[in-house]
Amino acid sequence: MSQLTVFNSDNPAQPLLHTSDSNEIKQQLQKAGVRFEQWQATAPIDADSSAEQIQAAYAGDINRLKTERGYITVDVISLSANHPDKAALRQKFLAEHTHSEDEVRFFVRGQGLFCLHIAGKVYQVLCQQNDLISVPAGTTHWFDMGSEPEFSAIRLFSNPEGWLANFTGSDIARRFPLLA
């Protein structure tokens, strides 16, 4: 179940809001300038589905976003608990960073925790299967896939080279709760 927890950025011990209501999550994130949607596949998919099958199952929503926002590149990324570099990848994503383009992720399966540092608050968004989040360009954030990651996600990019991060050097991410 998707969840949103909001904190003041200087008080990770006391949440201001915690909800699993998808409409409230969408409204709260929209106020912060972040897109949150839930999609449904138009064809059956499972853990063994190819990237092409996954993209075809969500083609309508993918094409809508490409048209609306000018995204050029679409891919599917999967990470499992048996990945040999999972600990190093987790650490890389846990550092607060920004991007020069939107960071768009749709969770086909599994989950991930996006932590957005916006206007003195930290918005922790636990995205699960069928959740799309679009973090606007320039937004400071970090991502936690957990110690035993198990997810597949569709990514959309404006830059054909894909994911490029600009790390802030802040240690804020170490002060907030993470996935197990």
N, C-alpha and C. Protein backbone atom coordinates (compact mmCIF):
# COMPACT_ATOMS: atom_id res chain seq x y z
N MET A 1 0.83 -1.17 0.00
CA MET A 1 0.00 0.00 0.00
C MET A 1 0.89 1.25 0.00
N SER A 2 0.61 2.15 -0.89
CA SER A 2 1.35 3.41 -1.00
C SER A 2 1.19 4.19 0.30
N GLN A 3 2.25 4.94 0.65
CA GLN A 3 2.20 5.75 1.87
C GLN A 3 2.93 7.05 1.65
N LEU A 4 2.48 8.08 2.37
CA LEU A 4 3.16 9.37 2.41
C LEU A 4 3.34 9.76 3.87
N THR A 5 4.57 10.10 4.22
CA THR A 5 4.87 10.65 5.54
C THR A 5 5.60 11.96 5.31
N VAL A 6 5.14 13.01 5.98
CA VAL A 6 5.73 14.34 5.83
C VAL A 6 6.33 14.76 7.17
N PHE A 7 7.55 15.28 7.11
CA PHE A 7 8.27 15.76 8.28
C PHE A 7 8.73 17.20 8.04
N ASN A 8 8.95 17.96 9.12
CA ASN A 8 9.78 19.15 9.00
C ASN A 8 11.20 18.65 8.79
N SER A 9 11.96 19.30 7.95
CA SER A 9 13.29 18.79 7.61
C SER A 9 14.24 18.79 8.80
N ASP A 10 13.92 19.52 9.86
CA ASP A 10 14.78 19.53 11.04
C ASP A 10 14.26 18.65 12.18
N ASN A 11 13.20 17.85 11.92
CA ASN A 11 12.65 17.00 12.96
C ASN A 11 12.18 15.66 12.40
N PRO A 12 13.13 14.73 12.18
CA PRO A 12 12.77 13.42 11.61
C PRO A 12 12.05 12.50 12.60
N ALA A 13 11.94 12.90 13.86
CA ALA A 13 11.30 12.05 14.86
C ALA A 13 9.79 12.27 14.96
N GLN A 14 9.29 13.39 14.41
CA GLN A 14 7.88 13.73 14.58
C GLN A 14 7.20 13.99 13.23
N PRO A 15 6.51 12.99 12.68
CA PRO A 15 5.81 13.21 11.41
C PRO A 15 4.70 14.26 11.55
N LEU A 16 4.55 15.09 10.53
CA LEU A 16 3.45 16.05 10.46
C LEU A 16 2.20 15.41 9.88
N LEU A 17 2.42 14.41 9.01
CA LEU A 17 1.33 13.73 8.32
C LEU A 17 1.78 12.33 7.96
N HIS A 18 0.88 11.37 8.09
CA HIS A 18 1.12 10.02 7.61
C HIS A 18 -0.20 9.52 7.04
N THR A 19 -0.18 9.09 5.77
CA THR A 19 -1.41 8.61 5.14
C THR A 19 -1.10 7.53 4.12
N SER A 20 -2.07 6.64 3.94
CA SER A 20 -2.00 5.65 2.87
C SER A 20 -3.18 5.83 1.92
N ASP A 21 -3.90 6.94 2.04
CA ASP A 21 -5.01 7.26 1.15
C ASP A 21 -4.44 7.84 -0.14
N SER A 22 -4.63 7.13 -1.25
CA SER A 22 -3.99 7.54 -2.50
C SER A 22 -4.44 8.92 -2.97
N ASN A 23 -5.69 9.28 -2.72
CA ASN A 23 -6.14 10.62 -3.12
C ASN A 23 -5.45 11.71 -2.29
N GLU A 24 -5.29 11.47 -1.00
CA GLU A 24 -4.60 12.45 -0.15
C GLU A 24 -3.12 12.53 -0.53
N ILE A 25 -2.51 11.38 -0.83
CA ILE A 25 -1.11 11.38 -1.28
C ILE A 25 -0.98 12.25 -2.53
N LYS A 26 -1.85 12.03 -3.49
CA LYS A 26 -1.81 12.80 -4.73
C LYS A 26 -1.98 14.30 -4.46
N GLN A 27 -2.94 14.65 -3.62
CA GLN A 27 -3.20 16.07 -3.31
C GLN A 27 -2.02 16.72 -2.61
N GLN A 28 -1.47 16.04 -1.60
CA GLN A 28 -0.34 16.61 -0.85
C GLN A 28 0.89 16.78 -1.75
N LEU A 29 1.16 15.79 -2.58
CA LEU A 29 2.31 15.89 -3.47
C LEU A 29 2.09 16.94 -4.55
N GLN A 30 0.88 17.04 -5.04
CA GLN A 30 0.56 18.05 -6.06
C GLN A 30 0.83 19.45 -5.50
N LYS A 31 0.48 19.70 -4.24
CA LYS A 31 0.75 20.99 -3.60
C LYS A 31 2.25 21.28 -3.58
N ALA A 32 3.06 20.22 -3.49
CA ALA A 32 4.52 20.37 -3.46
C ALA A 32 5.12 20.35 -4.86
N GLY A 33 4.27 20.26 -5.90
CA GLY A 33 4.75 20.27 -7.28
C GLY A 33 5.18 18.93 -7.81
N VAL A 34 4.78 17.85 -7.14
CA VAL A 34 5.18 16.50 -7.51
C VAL A 34 3.98 15.74 -8.07
N ARG A 35 4.19 15.07 -9.18
CA ARG A 35 3.12 14.28 -9.81
C ARG A 35 3.08 12.89 -9.19
N PHE A 36 1.87 12.42 -8.86
CA PHE A 36 1.66 11.07 -8.36
C PHE A 36 0.41 10.53 -9.03
N GLU A 37 0.53 9.37 -9.66
CA GLU A 37 -0.59 8.73 -10.34
C GLU A 37 -0.55 7.23 -10.06
N GLN A 38 -1.67 6.59 -10.35
CA GLN A 38 -1.71 5.14 -10.30
C GLN A 38 -2.23 4.64 -11.65
N TRP A 39 -1.51 3.68 -12.22
CA TRP A 39 -1.81 3.13 -13.53
C TRP A 39 -2.22 1.67 -13.39
N GLN A 40 -2.94 1.19 -14.40
CA GLN A 40 -3.29 -0.22 -14.49
C GLN A 40 -2.82 -0.76 -15.83
N ALA A 41 -2.28 -1.97 -15.82
CA ALA A 41 -1.82 -2.61 -17.06
C ALA A 41 -3.01 -2.94 -17.94
N THR A 42 -2.81 -2.86 -19.25
CA THR A 42 -3.87 -3.22 -20.20
C THR A 42 -3.70 -4.64 -20.71
N ALA A 43 -2.65 -5.32 -20.25
CA ALA A 43 -2.40 -6.71 -20.63
C ALA A 43 -1.75 -7.40 -19.43
N PRO A 44 -1.91 -8.71 -19.33
CA PRO A 44 -1.30 -9.42 -18.19
C PRO A 44 0.23 -9.35 -18.23
N ILE A 45 0.82 -9.08 -17.08
CA ILE A 45 2.29 -9.11 -16.95
C ILE A 45 2.63 -9.80 -15.63
N ASP A 46 3.83 -10.32 -15.56
CA ASP A 46 4.30 -10.96 -14.33
C ASP A 46 5.80 -10.74 -14.21
N ALA A 47 6.42 -11.37 -13.22
CA ALA A 47 7.85 -11.17 -12.94
C ALA A 47 8.74 -11.60 -14.11
N ASP A 48 8.22 -12.46 -14.98
CA ASP A 48 9.00 -12.93 -16.12
C ASP A 48 8.75 -12.13 -17.41
N SER A 49 7.89 -11.13 -17.35
CA SER A 49 7.58 -10.34 -18.55
C SER A 49 8.81 -9.57 -19.01
N SER A 50 8.97 -9.48 -20.32
CA SER A 50 10.10 -8.73 -20.89
C SER A 50 9.83 -7.24 -20.79
N ALA A 51 10.88 -6.45 -20.98
CA ALA A 51 10.75 -4.99 -20.99
C ALA A 51 9.75 -4.55 -22.05
N GLU A 52 9.78 -5.20 -23.21
CA GLU A 52 8.85 -4.86 -24.29
C GLU A 52 7.41 -5.15 -23.89
N GLN A 53 7.17 -6.29 -23.24
CA GLN A 53 5.82 -6.63 -22.80
C GLN A 53 5.32 -5.64 -21.74
N ILE A 54 6.21 -5.27 -20.84
CA ILE A 54 5.85 -4.31 -19.79
C ILE A 54 5.51 -2.96 -20.41
N GLN A 55 6.35 -2.48 -21.31
CA GLN A 55 6.07 -1.19 -21.95
C GLN A 55 4.78 -1.23 -22.75
N ALA A 56 4.50 -2.35 -23.41
CA ALA A 56 3.26 -2.47 -24.18
C ALA A 56 2.04 -2.44 -23.27
N ALA A 57 2.14 -3.05 -22.08
CA ALA A 57 1.01 -3.10 -21.15
C ALA A 57 0.66 -1.72 -20.60
N TYR A 58 1.59 -0.79 -20.63
CA TYR A 58 1.37 0.56 -20.11
C TYR A 58 1.54 1.62 -21.20
N ALA A 59 1.45 1.21 -22.45
CA ALA A 59 1.74 2.10 -23.59
C ALA A 59 0.87 3.36 -23.59
N GLY A 60 -0.40 3.25 -23.25
CA GLY A 60 -1.27 4.42 -23.26
C GLY A 60 -0.81 5.50 -22.31
N ASP A 61 -0.50 5.11 -21.07
CA ASP A 61 -0.03 6.07 -20.07
C ASP A 61 1.37 6.59 -20.42
N ILE A 62 2.23 5.72 -20.90
CA ILE A 62 3.58 6.15 -21.31
C ILE A 62 3.49 7.19 -22.41
N ASN A 63 2.69 6.90 -23.44
CA ASN A 63 2.56 7.84 -24.56
C ASN A 63 1.94 9.16 -24.14
N ARG A 64 0.98 9.11 -23.21
CA ARG A 64 0.37 10.33 -22.69
C ARG A 64 1.43 11.21 -22.03
N LEU A 65 2.27 10.61 -21.18
CA LEU A 65 3.32 11.39 -20.52
C LEU A 65 4.36 11.90 -21.51
N LYS A 66 4.72 11.07 -22.48
CA LYS A 66 5.68 11.51 -23.49
C LYS A 66 5.14 12.73 -24.24
N THR A 67 3.87 12.71 -24.59
CA THR A 67 3.25 13.82 -25.30
C THR A 67 3.17 15.06 -24.41
N GLU A 68 2.72 14.88 -23.17
CA GLU A 68 2.55 16.01 -22.24
C GLU A 68 3.87 16.66 -21.87
N ARG A 69 4.90 15.86 -21.62
CA ARG A 69 6.14 16.36 -21.01
C ARG A 69 7.36 16.30 -21.92
N GLY A 70 7.22 15.71 -23.11
CA GLY A 70 8.33 15.68 -24.06
C GLY A 70 9.41 14.67 -23.74
N TYR A 71 9.07 13.62 -22.98
CA TYR A 71 10.07 12.59 -22.69
C TYR A 71 10.46 11.87 -23.97
N ILE A 72 11.72 11.51 -24.08
CA ILE A 72 12.26 10.90 -25.29
C ILE A 72 12.52 9.41 -25.11
N THR A 73 13.14 9.06 -23.99
CA THR A 73 13.60 7.70 -23.75
C THR A 73 12.76 7.02 -22.68
N VAL A 74 12.45 5.75 -22.90
CA VAL A 74 11.71 4.94 -21.94
C VAL A 74 12.47 3.63 -21.80
N ASP A 75 12.63 3.16 -20.54
CA ASP A 75 13.22 1.85 -20.34
C ASP A 75 12.59 1.20 -19.11
N VAL A 76 12.97 -0.03 -18.87
CA VAL A 76 12.51 -0.77 -17.70
C VAL A 76 13.75 -1.22 -16.95
N ILE A 77 13.77 -0.92 -15.65
CA ILE A 77 14.89 -1.34 -14.81
C ILE A 77 14.36 -2.32 -13.77
N SER A 78 15.12 -3.36 -13.51
CA SER A 78 14.75 -4.34 -12.48
C SER A 78 15.95 -4.57 -11.58
N LEU A 79 15.67 -4.73 -10.32
CA LEU A 79 16.73 -5.02 -9.36
C LEU A 79 16.19 -6.06 -8.39
N SER A 80 17.01 -7.06 -8.12
CA SER A 80 16.59 -8.12 -7.21
C SER A 80 17.56 -8.22 -6.04
N ALA A 81 17.10 -8.91 -5.01
CA ALA A 81 17.88 -9.06 -3.78
C ALA A 81 19.18 -9.82 -4.00
N ASN A 82 19.31 -10.56 -5.10
CA ASN A 82 20.55 -11.30 -5.35
C ASN A 82 21.54 -10.53 -6.23
N HIS A 83 21.27 -9.25 -6.51
CA HIS A 83 22.19 -8.44 -7.31
C HIS A 83 23.49 -8.25 -6.52
N PRO A 84 24.66 -8.53 -7.12
CA PRO A 84 25.92 -8.47 -6.38
C PRO A 84 26.30 -7.06 -5.92
N ASP A 85 25.79 -6.01 -6.55
CA ASP A 85 26.14 -4.63 -6.18
C ASP A 85 25.01 -3.90 -5.48
N LYS A 86 24.05 -4.65 -4.92
CA LYS A 86 22.88 -4.01 -4.33
C LYS A 86 23.24 -3.04 -3.20
N ALA A 87 24.19 -3.37 -2.37
CA ALA A 87 24.56 -2.48 -1.25
C ALA A 87 25.17 -1.19 -1.77
N ALA A 88 26.06 -1.28 -2.76
CA ALA A 88 26.69 -0.08 -3.33
C ALA A 88 25.65 0.78 -4.06
N LEU A 89 24.74 0.15 -4.79
CA LEU A 89 23.69 0.90 -5.48
C LEU A 89 22.79 1.61 -4.48
N ARG A 90 22.43 0.91 -3.40
CA ARG A 90 21.59 1.54 -2.38
C ARG A 90 22.28 2.78 -1.83
N GLN A 91 23.55 2.66 -1.49
CA GLN A 91 24.28 3.80 -0.92
C GLN A 91 24.32 4.98 -1.89
N LYS A 92 24.52 4.71 -3.17
CA LYS A 92 24.58 5.78 -4.16
C LYS A 92 23.27 6.56 -4.21
N PHE A 93 22.16 5.85 -4.22
CA PHE A 93 20.86 6.49 -4.32
C PHE A 93 20.46 7.19 -3.02
N LEU A 94 21.05 6.79 -1.88
CA LEU A 94 20.71 7.38 -0.59
C LEU A 94 21.29 8.78 -0.39
N ALA A 95 22.23 9.17 -1.19
CA ALA A 95 22.81 10.51 -1.07
C ALA A 95 21.86 11.53 -1.72
N GLU A 96 21.62 12.64 -1.01
CA GLU A 96 20.73 13.66 -1.56
C GLU A 96 21.31 14.22 -2.85
N HIS A 97 20.42 14.37 -3.85
CA HIS A 97 20.86 14.83 -5.16
C HIS A 97 19.72 15.53 -5.89
N THR A 98 20.06 16.11 -7.02
CA THR A 98 19.07 16.70 -7.92
C THR A 98 19.36 16.17 -9.32
N HIS A 99 18.44 16.47 -10.23
CA HIS A 99 18.62 16.16 -11.64
C HIS A 99 18.26 17.39 -12.45
N SER A 100 18.81 17.50 -13.63
CA SER A 100 18.48 18.61 -14.52
C SER A 100 17.19 18.34 -15.30
N GLU A 101 16.60 17.17 -15.09
CA GLU A 101 15.32 16.82 -15.71
C GLU A 101 14.46 16.12 -14.66
N ASP A 102 13.18 15.94 -14.97
CA ASP A 102 12.28 15.21 -14.07
C ASP A 102 12.80 13.78 -13.87
N GLU A 103 12.60 13.26 -12.67
CA GLU A 103 12.87 11.84 -12.42
C GLU A 103 11.52 11.15 -12.36
N VAL A 104 11.23 10.36 -13.39
CA VAL A 104 9.91 9.73 -13.53
C VAL A 104 10.08 8.22 -13.37
N ARG A 105 9.33 7.67 -12.40
CA ARG A 105 9.38 6.23 -12.14
C ARG A 105 7.97 5.70 -11.97
N PHE A 106 7.71 4.58 -12.63
CA PHE A 106 6.46 3.86 -12.45
C PHE A 106 6.80 2.46 -11.97
N PHE A 107 6.24 2.05 -10.84
CA PHE A 107 6.56 0.76 -10.25
C PHE A 107 5.64 -0.32 -10.81
N VAL A 108 6.24 -1.20 -11.60
CA VAL A 108 5.53 -2.33 -12.18
C VAL A 108 5.34 -3.41 -11.12
N ARG A 109 6.35 -3.58 -10.29
CA ARG A 109 6.27 -4.53 -9.16
C ARG A 109 7.25 -4.05 -8.09
N GLY A 110 7.03 -4.51 -6.87
CA GLY A 110 7.92 -4.15 -5.77
C GLY A 110 7.64 -2.76 -5.23
N GLN A 111 8.68 -2.17 -4.63
CA GLN A 111 8.51 -0.87 -3.98
C GLN A 111 9.82 -0.11 -3.90
N GLY A 112 9.70 1.18 -3.61
CA GLY A 112 10.85 2.04 -3.38
C GLY A 112 10.39 3.27 -2.62
N LEU A 113 11.29 3.85 -1.83
CA LEU A 113 10.98 5.01 -1.00
C LEU A 113 11.67 6.24 -1.56
N PHE A 114 10.87 7.18 -2.09
CA PHE A 114 11.38 8.46 -2.55
C PHE A 114 11.26 9.46 -1.41
N CYS A 115 12.35 10.15 -1.11
CA CYS A 115 12.37 11.15 -0.06
C CYS A 115 12.69 12.49 -0.70
N LEU A 116 11.73 13.41 -0.63
CA LEU A 116 11.81 14.67 -1.34
C LEU A 116 12.01 15.80 -0.33
N HIS A 117 13.04 16.60 -0.51
CA HIS A 117 13.38 17.69 0.40
C HIS A 117 12.91 18.99 -0.27
N ILE A 118 11.73 19.47 0.14
CA ILE A 118 11.07 20.59 -0.52
C ILE A 118 10.60 21.61 0.52
N ALA A 119 11.06 22.85 0.39
CA ALA A 119 10.57 23.97 1.21
C ALA A 119 10.54 23.66 2.70
N GLY A 120 11.65 23.15 3.23
CA GLY A 120 11.76 22.91 4.66
C GLY A 120 11.06 21.66 5.16
N LYS A 121 10.57 20.83 4.24
CA LYS A 121 9.91 19.59 4.63
C LYS A 121 10.56 18.42 3.88
N VAL A 122 10.38 17.23 4.45
CA VAL A 122 10.77 15.99 3.78
C VAL A 122 9.50 15.18 3.58
N TYR A 123 9.23 14.87 2.31
CA TYR A 123 8.09 14.05 1.92
C TYR A 123 8.63 12.67 1.60
N GLN A 124 8.28 11.68 2.42
CA GLN A 124 8.68 10.31 2.15
C GLN A 124 7.51 9.59 1.49
N VAL A 125 7.72 9.18 0.24
CA VAL A 125 6.68 8.55 -0.55
C VAL A 125 7.07 7.10 -0.79
N LEU A 126 6.35 6.19 -0.15
CA LEU A 126 6.57 4.77 -0.40
C LEU A 126 5.74 4.39 -1.61
N CYS A 127 6.42 4.22 -2.73
CA CYS A 127 5.77 3.86 -3.99
C CYS A 127 5.76 2.34 -4.10
N GLN A 128 4.62 1.83 -4.52
CA GLN A 128 4.46 0.39 -4.69
C GLN A 128 3.91 0.11 -6.07
N GLN A 129 3.62 -1.16 -6.34
CA GLN A 129 3.12 -1.56 -7.65
C GLN A 129 1.97 -0.65 -8.06
N ASN A 130 2.01 -0.19 -9.32
CA ASN A 130 1.01 0.67 -9.96
C ASN A 130 1.15 2.15 -9.63
N ASP A 131 2.19 2.55 -8.88
CA ASP A 131 2.40 3.96 -8.54
C ASP A 131 3.39 4.60 -9.50
N LEU A 132 3.06 5.82 -9.94
CA LEU A 132 3.97 6.65 -10.72
C LEU A 132 4.28 7.88 -9.89
N ILE A 133 5.56 8.23 -9.83
CA ILE A 133 5.98 9.48 -9.22
C ILE A 133 6.86 10.21 -10.22
N SER A 134 6.67 11.52 -10.29
CA SER A 134 7.51 12.36 -11.14
C SER A 134 8.07 13.48 -10.28
N VAL A 135 9.36 13.38 -9.98
CA VAL A 135 10.06 14.36 -9.16
C VAL A 135 10.57 15.45 -10.11
N PRO A 136 10.11 16.70 -9.92
CA PRO A 136 10.50 17.76 -10.85
C PRO A 136 12.01 18.02 -10.88
N ALA A 137 12.50 18.41 -12.03
CA ALA A 137 13.91 18.79 -12.19
C ALA A 137 14.30 19.78 -11.10
N GLY A 138 15.49 19.62 -10.55
CA GLY A 138 16.01 20.54 -9.54
C GLY A 138 15.55 20.26 -8.13
N THR A 139 14.67 19.29 -7.91
CA THR A 139 14.18 18.96 -6.58
C THR A 139 15.20 18.10 -5.85
N THR A 140 15.61 18.52 -4.65
CA THR A 140 16.53 17.70 -3.87
C THR A 140 15.77 16.49 -3.32
N HIS A 141 16.41 15.33 -3.45
CA HIS A 141 15.76 14.09 -3.03
C HIS A 141 16.79 12.98 -2.90
N TRP A 142 16.33 11.86 -2.36
CA TRP A 142 17.10 10.63 -2.33
C TRP A 142 16.12 9.47 -2.45
N PHE A 143 16.65 8.28 -2.71
CA PHE A 143 15.82 7.11 -2.96
C PHE A 143 16.37 5.93 -2.19
N ASP A 144 15.47 5.18 -1.54
CA ASP A 144 15.88 3.96 -0.84
C ASP A 144 15.13 2.77 -1.41
N MET A 145 15.91 1.80 -1.86
CA MET A 145 15.31 0.57 -2.40
C MET A 145 15.30 -0.54 -1.36
N GLY A 146 15.81 -0.27 -0.16
CA GLY A 146 15.86 -1.27 0.90
C GLY A 146 17.08 -2.16 0.79
N SER A 147 17.34 -2.91 1.84
CA SER A 147 18.52 -3.77 1.87
C SER A 147 18.36 -5.02 1.01
N GLU A 148 17.13 -5.40 0.73
CA GLU A 148 16.84 -6.56 -0.12
C GLU A 148 15.91 -6.11 -1.25
N PRO A 149 16.43 -5.31 -2.20
CA PRO A 149 15.56 -4.74 -3.24
C PRO A 149 14.93 -5.81 -4.12
N GLU A 150 13.70 -5.54 -4.52
CA GLU A 150 12.98 -6.44 -5.40
C GLU A 150 11.93 -5.61 -6.14
N PHE A 151 12.33 -5.02 -7.27
CA PHE A 151 11.38 -4.18 -7.99
C PHE A 151 11.70 -4.12 -9.48
N SER A 152 10.68 -3.75 -10.24
CA SER A 152 10.81 -3.39 -11.66
C SER A 152 10.10 -2.06 -11.82
N ALA A 153 10.71 -1.16 -12.57
CA ALA A 153 10.13 0.16 -12.76
C ALA A 153 10.37 0.64 -14.19
N ILE A 154 9.37 1.35 -14.70
CA ILE A 154 9.51 2.03 -15.98
C ILE A 154 10.09 3.40 -15.69
N ARG A 155 11.08 3.80 -16.50
CA ARG A 155 11.69 5.12 -16.35
C ARG A 155 11.49 5.90 -17.64
N LEU A 156 11.20 7.18 -17.51
CA LEU A 156 11.06 8.06 -18.67
C LEU A 156 12.07 9.19 -18.51
N PHE A 157 12.73 9.55 -19.63
CA PHE A 157 13.79 10.56 -19.60
C PHE A 157 13.62 11.58 -20.72
N SER A 158 14.02 12.80 -20.46
CA SER A 158 14.14 13.82 -21.50
C SER A 158 15.52 13.75 -22.14
N ASN A 159 16.51 13.37 -21.33
CA ASN A 159 17.88 13.27 -21.78
C ASN A 159 18.14 11.84 -22.25
N PRO A 160 18.51 11.63 -23.50
CA PRO A 160 18.73 10.27 -24.00
C PRO A 160 19.81 9.50 -23.23
N GLU A 161 20.70 10.21 -22.54
CA GLU A 161 21.72 9.51 -21.75
C GLU A 161 21.18 8.95 -20.45
N GLY A 162 19.96 9.34 -20.06
CA GLY A 162 19.34 8.77 -18.87
C GLY A 162 19.71 9.47 -17.59
N TRP A 163 19.84 8.70 -16.54
CA TRP A 163 19.96 9.17 -15.16
C TRP A 163 21.30 9.84 -14.91
N LEU A 164 21.29 11.15 -14.66
CA LEU A 164 22.49 11.90 -14.30
C LEU A 164 22.19 12.67 -13.03
N ALA A 165 22.96 12.43 -11.96
CA ALA A 165 22.70 13.05 -10.66
C ALA A 165 23.72 14.13 -10.35
N ASN A 166 23.26 15.15 -9.65
CA ASN A 166 24.12 16.19 -9.09
C ASN A 166 23.98 16.11 -7.58
N PHE A 167 24.99 15.57 -6.91
CA PHE A 167 24.91 15.34 -5.47
C PHE A 167 25.13 16.64 -4.71
N THR A 168 24.33 16.84 -3.63
CA THR A 168 24.38 18.09 -2.86
C THR A 168 25.47 18.09 -1.79
N GLY A 169 25.89 16.92 -1.35
CA GLY A 169 26.87 16.83 -0.26
C GLY A 169 26.22 16.89 1.12
N SER A 170 24.92 17.07 1.19
CA SER A 170 24.20 17.13 2.47
C SER A 170 24.10 15.74 3.09
N ASP A 171 24.06 15.69 4.42
CA ASP A 171 23.88 14.42 5.12
C ASP A 171 22.44 14.23 5.61
N ILE A 172 21.51 15.02 5.11
CA ILE A 172 20.12 14.97 5.59
C ILE A 172 19.52 13.57 5.49
N ALA A 173 19.83 12.83 4.46
CA ALA A 173 19.25 11.50 4.27
C ALA A 173 19.57 10.56 5.42
N ARG A 174 20.70 10.75 6.07
CA ARG A 174 21.08 9.86 7.20
C ARG A 174 20.23 10.10 8.43
N ARG A 175 19.52 11.22 8.48
CA ARG A 175 18.74 11.55 9.67
C ARG A 175 17.30 11.02 9.61
N PHE A 176 16.87 10.55 8.46
CA PHE A 176 15.48 10.14 8.29
C PHE A 176 15.35 8.63 8.18
N PRO A 177 14.18 8.09 8.58
CA PRO A 177 13.99 6.64 8.51
C PRO A 177 14.07 6.12 7.08
N LEU A 178 14.53 4.88 6.96
CA LEU A 178 14.67 4.23 5.65
C LEU A 178 13.89 2.92 5.66
N LEU A 179 13.90 2.26 4.52
CA LEU A 179 13.30 0.92 4.44
C LEU A 179 14.21 -0.07 5.16
N ALA A 180 13.64 -1.18 5.57
CA ALA A 180 14.43 -2.22 6.26
C ALA A 180 15.43 -2.84 5.30
